[in-house]
């Protein structure tokens, strides 16, 4: 009887190396349509916002220009330098932070909007509990979260890690209520059809302070 192969241990990518090689496959240089749609229709209104893993700053700059008070955290020095250059070119005022988001947010007060374009689908393999603890600490009842994650219904060698709908429900649903959970496609400079993903808009439950 043949034995099934052991699953490969998950290894976090070397983000700086990927940016050093050029434009990563997730960096479309245009604001994510899922984010833009929610801002333009007023679902997400200007507020105190945190982007987790901002990359080259496309979405963070978009939010700042729309009147959000933006803090954007990134662990890759090369990516953050590109974000700073983008903010300067577009005359956008925001706070850009180089560092570990878990360390950075330890003593921060709550944010009204958390935005994650690809952080969750990586960190869930390494330390999901740490992510959930952080989200609870930096939000308050009524805070909104938009998480864009890879969709396991489509398997590609160069795409984002896939997450199933059940995983999302069982993991993020532990502390947040879903406003919507729907398929969408990540735009990509290297793949015309992009990559299948999940758009998860969530709200922290509880009475909202007035």
C-alpha atoms as a PDB file:
ATOM      1  CA  UNK A   1       0.000   0.000   0.000  1.00  0.00           C
ATOM      2  CA  UNK A   2       1.467   3.350  -1.007  1.00  0.00           C
ATOM      3  CA  UNK A   3       1.624   6.070   1.571  1.00  0.00           C
ATOM      4  CA  UNK A   4       0.358   9.531   0.812  1.00  0.00           C
ATOM      5  CA  UNK A   5       3.035  12.217   0.662  1.00  0.00           C
ATOM      6  CA  UNK A   6       3.509  14.392   3.703  1.00  0.00           C
ATOM      7  CA  UNK A   7       2.220  17.934   3.135  1.00  0.00           C
ATOM      8  CA  UNK A   8       4.994  20.426   2.560  1.00  0.00           C
ATOM      9  CA  UNK A   9       5.586  22.823   5.442  1.00  0.00           C
ATOM     10  CA  UNK A  10       4.411  26.343   4.686  1.00  0.00           C
ATOM     11  CA  UNK A  11       7.209  28.862   4.167  1.00  0.00           C
ATOM     12  CA  UNK A  12       6.528  32.588   4.137  1.00  0.00           C
ATOM     13  CA  UNK A  13       7.863  34.230   0.959  1.00  0.00           C
ATOM     14  CA  UNK A  14      10.827  36.574   0.996  1.00  0.00           C
ATOM     15  CA  UNK A  15       8.814  39.700   0.206  1.00  0.00           C
ATOM     16  CA  UNK A  16      11.797  41.975  -0.321  1.00  0.00           C
ATOM     17  CA  UNK A  17      13.355  39.544  -2.794  1.00  0.00           C
ATOM     18  CA  UNK A  18      10.118  39.391  -4.780  1.00  0.00           C
ATOM     19  CA  UNK A  19       9.982  43.184  -5.053  1.00  0.00           C
ATOM     20  CA  UNK A  20      13.684  43.327  -5.872  1.00  0.00           C
ATOM     21  CA  UNK A  21      13.050  41.138  -8.937  1.00  0.00           C
ATOM     22  CA  UNK A  22      10.539  43.643 -10.322  1.00  0.00           C
ATOM     23  CA  UNK A  23       6.769  43.851 -10.140  1.00  0.00           C
ATOM     24  CA  UNK A  24       5.186  40.975  -8.170  1.00  0.00           C
ATOM     25  CA  UNK A  25       2.178  39.235  -9.761  1.00  0.00           C
ATOM     26  CA  UNK A  26      -0.239  40.812  -7.269  1.00  0.00           C
ATOM     27  CA  UNK A  27       0.895  44.404  -7.860  1.00  0.00           C
ATOM     28  CA  UNK A  28      -1.515  45.683 -10.510  1.00  0.00           C
ATOM     29  CA  UNK A  29      -0.706  49.381  -9.802  1.00  0.00           C
ATOM     30  CA  UNK A  30      -4.420  50.211  -9.755  1.00  0.00           C
ATOM     31  CA  UNK A  31      -6.680  50.349  -6.681  1.00  0.00           C
ATOM     32  CA  UNK A  32      -8.566  47.098  -6.068  1.00  0.00           C
ATOM     33  CA  UNK A  33     -12.030  47.360  -7.676  1.00  0.00           C
ATOM     34  CA  UNK A  34     -13.580  45.632  -4.641  1.00  0.00           C
ATOM     35  CA  UNK A  35     -12.252  48.411  -2.424  1.00  0.00           C
ATOM     36  CA  UNK A  36     -13.104  51.191  -4.859  1.00  0.00           C
ATOM     37  CA  UNK A  37     -16.692  49.998  -5.239  1.00  0.00           C
ATOM     38  CA  UNK A  38     -17.303  50.009  -1.489  1.00  0.00           C
ATOM     39  CA  UNK A  39     -15.816  53.483  -1.076  1.00  0.00           C
ATOM     40  CA  UNK A  40     -17.605  54.966  -4.062  1.00  0.00           C
ATOM     41  CA  UNK A  41     -21.037  53.649  -3.031  1.00  0.00           C
ATOM     42  CA  UNK A  42     -20.571  54.889   0.542  1.00  0.00           C
ATOM     43  CA  UNK A  43     -20.463  51.483   2.220  1.00  0.00           C
ATOM     44  CA  UNK A  44     -17.036  52.389   3.605  1.00  0.00           C
ATOM     45  CA  UNK A  45     -16.884  56.065   4.549  1.00  0.00           C
ATOM     46  CA  UNK A  46     -13.756  58.125   5.302  1.00  0.00           C
ATOM     47  CA  UNK A  47     -12.482  57.195   8.750  1.00  0.00           C
ATOM     48  CA  UNK A  48      -9.385  56.063  10.640  1.00  0.00           C
ATOM     49  CA  UNK A  49      -8.053  53.171   8.531  1.00  0.00           C
ATOM     50  CA  UNK A  50      -5.256  50.613   8.735  1.00  0.00           C
ATOM     51  CA  UNK A  51      -3.912  48.672   5.755  1.00  0.00           C
ATOM     52  CA  UNK A  52      -2.080  45.469   6.691  1.00  0.00           C
ATOM     53  CA  UNK A  53       0.707  44.762   4.194  1.00  0.00           C
ATOM     54  CA  UNK A  54       0.347  47.747   1.862  1.00  0.00           C
ATOM     55  CA  UNK A  55       2.930  46.665  -0.737  1.00  0.00           C
ATOM     56  CA  UNK A  56       3.734  49.533  -3.100  1.00  0.00           C
ATOM     57  CA  UNK A  57       0.917  51.614  -1.642  1.00  0.00           C
ATOM     58  CA  UNK A  58      -1.666  51.689  -4.435  1.00  0.00           C
ATOM     59  CA  UNK A  59      -4.701  51.147  -2.204  1.00  0.00           C
ATOM     60  CA  UNK A  60      -3.355  53.139   0.751  1.00  0.00           C
ATOM     61  CA  UNK A  61      -2.787  56.168  -1.471  1.00  0.00           C
ATOM     62  CA  UNK A  62      -6.263  55.767  -2.978  1.00  0.00           C
ATOM     63  CA  UNK A  63      -7.843  55.767   0.491  1.00  0.00           C
ATOM     64  CA  UNK A  64      -5.814  58.800   1.615  1.00  0.00           C
ATOM     65  CA  UNK A  65      -6.924  60.772  -1.441  1.00  0.00           C
ATOM     66  CA  UNK A  66     -10.526  59.861  -0.620  1.00  0.00           C
ATOM     67  CA  UNK A  67     -10.243  61.490   2.791  1.00  0.00           C
ATOM     68  CA  UNK A  68      -9.328  58.510   4.999  1.00  0.00           C
ATOM     69  CA  UNK A  69      -6.819  58.904   7.837  1.00  0.00           C
ATOM     70  CA  UNK A  70      -4.562  56.086   6.655  1.00  0.00           C
ATOM     71  CA  UNK A  71      -1.868  54.121   8.430  1.00  0.00           C
ATOM     72  CA  UNK A  72      -0.247  51.515   6.160  1.00  0.00           C
ATOM     73  CA  UNK A  73       2.217  48.898   7.408  1.00  0.00           C
ATOM     74  CA  UNK A  74       4.646  46.902   5.243  1.00  0.00           C
ATOM     75  CA  UNK A  75       7.566  44.600   6.101  1.00  0.00           C
ATOM     76  CA  UNK A  76       9.444  44.974   2.787  1.00  0.00           C
ATOM     77  CA  UNK A  77      11.737  48.043   2.643  1.00  0.00           C
ATOM     78  CA  UNK A  78      11.676  48.024  -1.167  1.00  0.00           C
ATOM     79  CA  UNK A  79       7.877  47.905  -1.298  1.00  0.00           C
ATOM     80  CA  UNK A  80       7.559  50.679   1.274  1.00  0.00           C
ATOM     81  CA  UNK A  81      10.003  52.883  -0.620  1.00  0.00           C
ATOM     82  CA  UNK A  82       7.813  52.462  -3.688  1.00  0.00           C
ATOM     83  CA  UNK A  83       4.779  53.353  -1.573  1.00  0.00           C
ATOM     84  CA  UNK A  84       6.490  56.522  -0.345  1.00  0.00           C
ATOM     85  CA  UNK A  85       7.372  57.495  -3.912  1.00  0.00           C
ATOM     86  CA  UNK A  86       3.775  56.872  -5.028  1.00  0.00           C
ATOM     87  CA  UNK A  87       2.377  58.980  -2.183  1.00  0.00           C
ATOM     88  CA  UNK A  88       4.752  61.826  -3.068  1.00  0.00           C
ATOM     89  CA  UNK A  89       3.873  61.647  -6.788  1.00  0.00           C
ATOM     90  CA  UNK A  90       0.155  61.723  -6.036  1.00  0.00           C
ATOM     91  CA  UNK A  91       0.411  64.291  -3.228  1.00  0.00           C
ATOM     92  CA  UNK A  92      -1.252  61.929  -0.755  1.00  0.00           C
ATOM     93  CA  UNK A  93      -0.908  62.409   2.989  1.00  0.00           C
ATOM     94  CA  UNK A  94      -0.727  59.148   4.952  1.00  0.00           C
ATOM     95  CA  UNK A  95       1.377  57.347   7.549  1.00  0.00           C
ATOM     96  CA  UNK A  96       3.649  54.659   6.074  1.00  0.00           C
ATOM     97  CA  UNK A  97       5.300  52.289   8.537  1.00  0.00           C
ATOM     98  CA  UNK A  98       8.093  49.777   7.938  1.00  0.00           C
ATOM     99  CA  UNK A  99       7.846  46.869  10.345  1.00  0.00           C
ATOM    100  CA  UNK A 100       5.998  43.887  11.739  1.00  0.00           C
ATOM    101  CA  UNK A 101       2.297  44.711  11.924  1.00  0.00           C
ATOM    102  CA  UNK A 102       1.846  42.612  15.074  1.00  0.00           C
ATOM    103  CA  UNK A 103       4.531  44.557  16.932  1.00  0.00           C
ATOM    104  CA  UNK A 104       3.453  47.912  15.536  1.00  0.00           C
ATOM    105  CA  UNK A 105      -0.194  47.558  16.578  1.00  0.00           C
ATOM    106  CA  UNK A 106       0.447  46.378  20.159  1.00  0.00           C
ATOM    107  CA  UNK A 107      -0.251  49.784  21.703  1.00  0.00           C
ATOM    108  CA  UNK A 108      -2.494  51.369  19.066  1.00  0.00           C
ATOM    109  CA  UNK A 109      -6.057  52.438  19.683  1.00  0.00           C
ATOM    110  CA  UNK A 110      -8.904  51.054  17.547  1.00  0.00           C
ATOM    111  CA  UNK A 111      -9.365  51.675  13.839  1.00  0.00           C
ATOM    112  CA  UNK A 112     -12.722  52.079  12.106  1.00  0.00           C
ATOM    113  CA  UNK A 113     -11.633  50.240   8.942  1.00  0.00           C
ATOM    114  CA  UNK A 114      -9.096  47.439   8.460  1.00  0.00           C
ATOM    115  CA  UNK A 115      -8.015  46.581   4.925  1.00  0.00           C
ATOM    116  CA  UNK A 116      -6.138  43.406   3.986  1.00  0.00           C
ATOM    117  CA  UNK A 117      -5.305  42.671   0.360  1.00  0.00           C
ATOM    118  CA  UNK A 118      -3.533  39.335   0.718  1.00  0.00           C
ATOM    119  CA  UNK A 119      -2.128  39.185   4.251  1.00  0.00           C
ATOM    120  CA  UNK A 120      -4.658  36.781   5.766  1.00  0.00           C
ATOM    121  CA  UNK A 121      -4.205  34.018   3.178  1.00  0.00           C
ATOM    122  CA  UNK A 122      -0.492  33.813   4.061  1.00  0.00           C
ATOM    123  CA  UNK A 123      -0.435  34.426   7.810  1.00  0.00           C
ATOM    124  CA  UNK A 124      -3.238  31.936   8.537  1.00  0.00           C
ATOM    125  CA  UNK A 125      -0.708  29.156   7.854  1.00  0.00           C
ATOM    126  CA  UNK A 126       1.831  30.594  10.284  1.00  0.00           C
ATOM    127  CA  UNK A 127      -0.191  32.051  13.156  1.00  0.00           C
ATOM    128  CA  UNK A 128      -3.925  32.490  12.719  1.00  0.00           C
ATOM    129  CA  UNK A 129      -4.515  33.080  16.432  1.00  0.00           C
ATOM    130  CA  UNK A 130      -2.068  35.980  16.423  1.00  0.00           C
ATOM    131  CA  UNK A 131      -3.967  37.570  13.531  1.00  0.00           C
ATOM    132  CA  UNK A 132      -7.344  37.144  15.222  1.00  0.00           C
ATOM    133  CA  UNK A 133      -6.005  38.524  18.509  1.00  0.00           C
ATOM    134  CA  UNK A 134      -4.667  41.570  16.662  1.00  0.00           C
ATOM    135  CA  UNK A 135      -7.933  42.174  14.807  1.00  0.00           C
ATOM    136  CA  UNK A 136      -9.858  42.058  18.063  1.00  0.00           C
ATOM    137  CA  UNK A 137      -7.429  44.469  19.732  1.00  0.00           C
ATOM    138  CA  UNK A 138      -7.377  47.092  16.958  1.00  0.00           C
ATOM    139  CA  UNK A 139     -11.109  47.141  16.218  1.00  0.00           C
ATOM    140  CA  UNK A 140     -14.201  48.089  18.200  1.00  0.00           C
ATOM    141  CA  UNK A 141     -17.901  47.299  17.770  1.00  0.00           C
ATOM    142  CA  UNK A 142     -18.937  48.621  14.378  1.00  0.00           C
ATOM    143  CA  UNK A 143     -15.437  48.568  12.851  1.00  0.00           C
ATOM    144  CA  UNK A 144     -15.412  47.288   9.266  1.00  0.00           C
ATOM    145  CA  UNK A 145     -12.858  44.906   7.740  1.00  0.00           C
ATOM    146  CA  UNK A 146     -12.307  44.115   4.063  1.00  0.00           C
ATOM    147  CA  UNK A 147     -10.203  41.005   3.442  1.00  0.00           C
ATOM    148  CA  UNK A 148      -9.272  39.962  -0.103  1.00  0.00           C
ATOM    149  CA  UNK A 149      -7.957  36.387  -0.132  1.00  0.00           C
ATOM    150  CA  UNK A 150      -7.126  33.653  -2.619  1.00  0.00           C
ATOM    151  CA  UNK A 151      -9.900  31.234  -3.548  1.00  0.00           C
ATOM    152  CA  UNK A 152      -9.168  27.487  -3.351  1.00  0.00           C
ATOM    153  CA  UNK A 153     -11.698  26.815  -6.131  1.00  0.00           C
ATOM    154  CA  UNK A 154      -8.967  27.777  -8.612  1.00  0.00           C
ATOM    155  CA  UNK A 155      -5.513  26.143  -8.473  1.00  0.00           C
ATOM    156  CA  UNK A 156      -2.591  27.985 -10.072  1.00  0.00           C
ATOM    157  CA  UNK A 157       1.166  27.666  -9.576  1.00  0.00           C
ATOM    158  CA  UNK A 158       1.794  31.413  -9.398  1.00  0.00           C
ATOM    159  CA  UNK A 159      -1.422  32.599  -7.771  1.00  0.00           C
ATOM    160  CA  UNK A 160      -2.241  33.444  -4.167  1.00  0.00           C
ATOM    161  CA  UNK A 161      -2.698  30.690  -1.556  1.00  0.00           C
ATOM    162  CA  UNK A 162      -6.214  29.322  -1.819  1.00  0.00           C
ATOM    163  CA  UNK A 163      -8.694  29.487   1.031  1.00  0.00           C
ATOM    164  CA  UNK A 164     -12.030  27.658   1.091  1.00  0.00           C
ATOM    165  CA  UNK A 165     -15.314  29.313   1.982  1.00  0.00           C
ATOM    166  CA  UNK A 166     -15.584  27.015   5.015  1.00  0.00           C
ATOM    167  CA  UNK A 167     -12.124  28.059   6.207  1.00  0.00           C
ATOM    168  CA  UNK A 168     -13.056  31.723   5.970  1.00  0.00           C
ATOM    169  CA  UNK A 169     -16.300  31.143   7.824  1.00  0.00           C
ATOM    170  CA  UNK A 170     -14.615  29.106  10.561  1.00  0.00           C
ATOM    171  CA  UNK A 171     -11.594  31.407  10.950  1.00  0.00           C
ATOM    172  CA  UNK A 172     -12.599  35.026  10.368  1.00  0.00           C
ATOM    173  CA  UNK A 173     -16.161  34.272  11.397  1.00  0.00           C
ATOM    174  CA  UNK A 174     -14.976  33.552  14.933  1.00  0.00           C
ATOM    175  CA  UNK A 175     -14.997  37.265  15.760  1.00  0.00           C
ATOM    176  CA  UNK A 176     -16.504  39.165  12.803  1.00  0.00           C
ATOM    177  CA  UNK A 177     -19.946  39.177  11.194  1.00  0.00           C
ATOM    178  CA  UNK A 178     -20.031  38.877   7.403  1.00  0.00           C
ATOM    179  CA  UNK A 179     -21.660  41.652   5.390  1.00  0.00           C
ATOM    180  CA  UNK A 180     -20.726  39.809   2.214  1.00  0.00           C
ATOM    181  CA  UNK A 181     -18.523  36.880   1.231  1.00  0.00           C
ATOM    182  CA  UNK A 182     -18.308  36.612  -2.536  1.00  0.00           C
ATOM    183  CA  UNK A 183     -15.942  35.504  -5.313  1.00  0.00           C
ATOM    184  CA  UNK A 184     -14.032  38.122  -7.293  1.00  0.00           C
ATOM    185  CA  UNK A 185     -10.851  38.236  -9.360  1.00  0.00           C
ATOM    186  CA  UNK A 186      -7.545  39.775  -8.305  1.00  0.00           C
ATOM    187  CA  UNK A 187      -6.125  41.911 -11.096  1.00  0.00           C
ATOM    188  CA  UNK A 188      -2.555  41.047 -12.082  1.00  0.00           C
ATOM    189  CA  UNK A 189       0.084  42.468 -14.460  1.00  0.00           C
ATOM    190  CA  UNK A 190       1.196  38.928 -15.409  1.00  0.00           C
ATOM    191  CA  UNK A 191      -2.139  37.159 -15.973  1.00  0.00           C
ATOM    192  CA  UNK A 192      -4.837  38.719 -18.129  1.00  0.00           C
ATOM    193  CA  UNK A 193      -7.701  36.938 -16.364  1.00  0.00           C
ATOM    194  CA  UNK A 194      -6.218  37.624 -12.927  1.00  0.00           C
ATOM    195  CA  UNK A 195      -6.678  35.187 -10.048  1.00  0.00           C
ATOM    196  CA  UNK A 196      -9.822  33.957  -8.361  1.00  0.00           C
ATOM    197  CA  UNK A 197     -10.291  35.314  -4.858  1.00  0.00           C
ATOM    198  CA  UNK A 198     -12.723  35.931  -2.021  1.00  0.00           C
ATOM    199  CA  UNK A 199     -13.974  39.384  -1.132  1.00  0.00           C
ATOM    200  CA  UNK A 200     -14.969  39.344   2.547  1.00  0.00           C
ATOM    201  CA  UNK A 201     -16.543  42.460   4.015  1.00  0.00           C
ATOM    202  CA  UNK A 202     -17.051  42.077   7.751  1.00  0.00           C
ATOM    203  CA  UNK A 203     -18.169  44.068  10.757  1.00  0.00           C
ATOM    204  CA  UNK A 204     -17.244  43.613  14.390  1.00  0.00           C
ATOM    205  CA  UNK A 205     -20.453  42.904  16.310  1.00  0.00           C
ATOM    206  CA  UNK A 206     -21.611  44.742  19.401  1.00  0.00           C
ATOM    207  CA  UNK A 207     -23.202  48.042  20.365  1.00  0.00           C
ATOM    208  CA  UNK A 208     -21.671  51.005  18.554  1.00  0.00           C
ATOM    209  CA  UNK A 209     -20.622  53.954  20.696  1.00  0.00           C
ATOM    210  CA  UNK A 210     -22.146  57.271  19.688  1.00  0.00           C
END
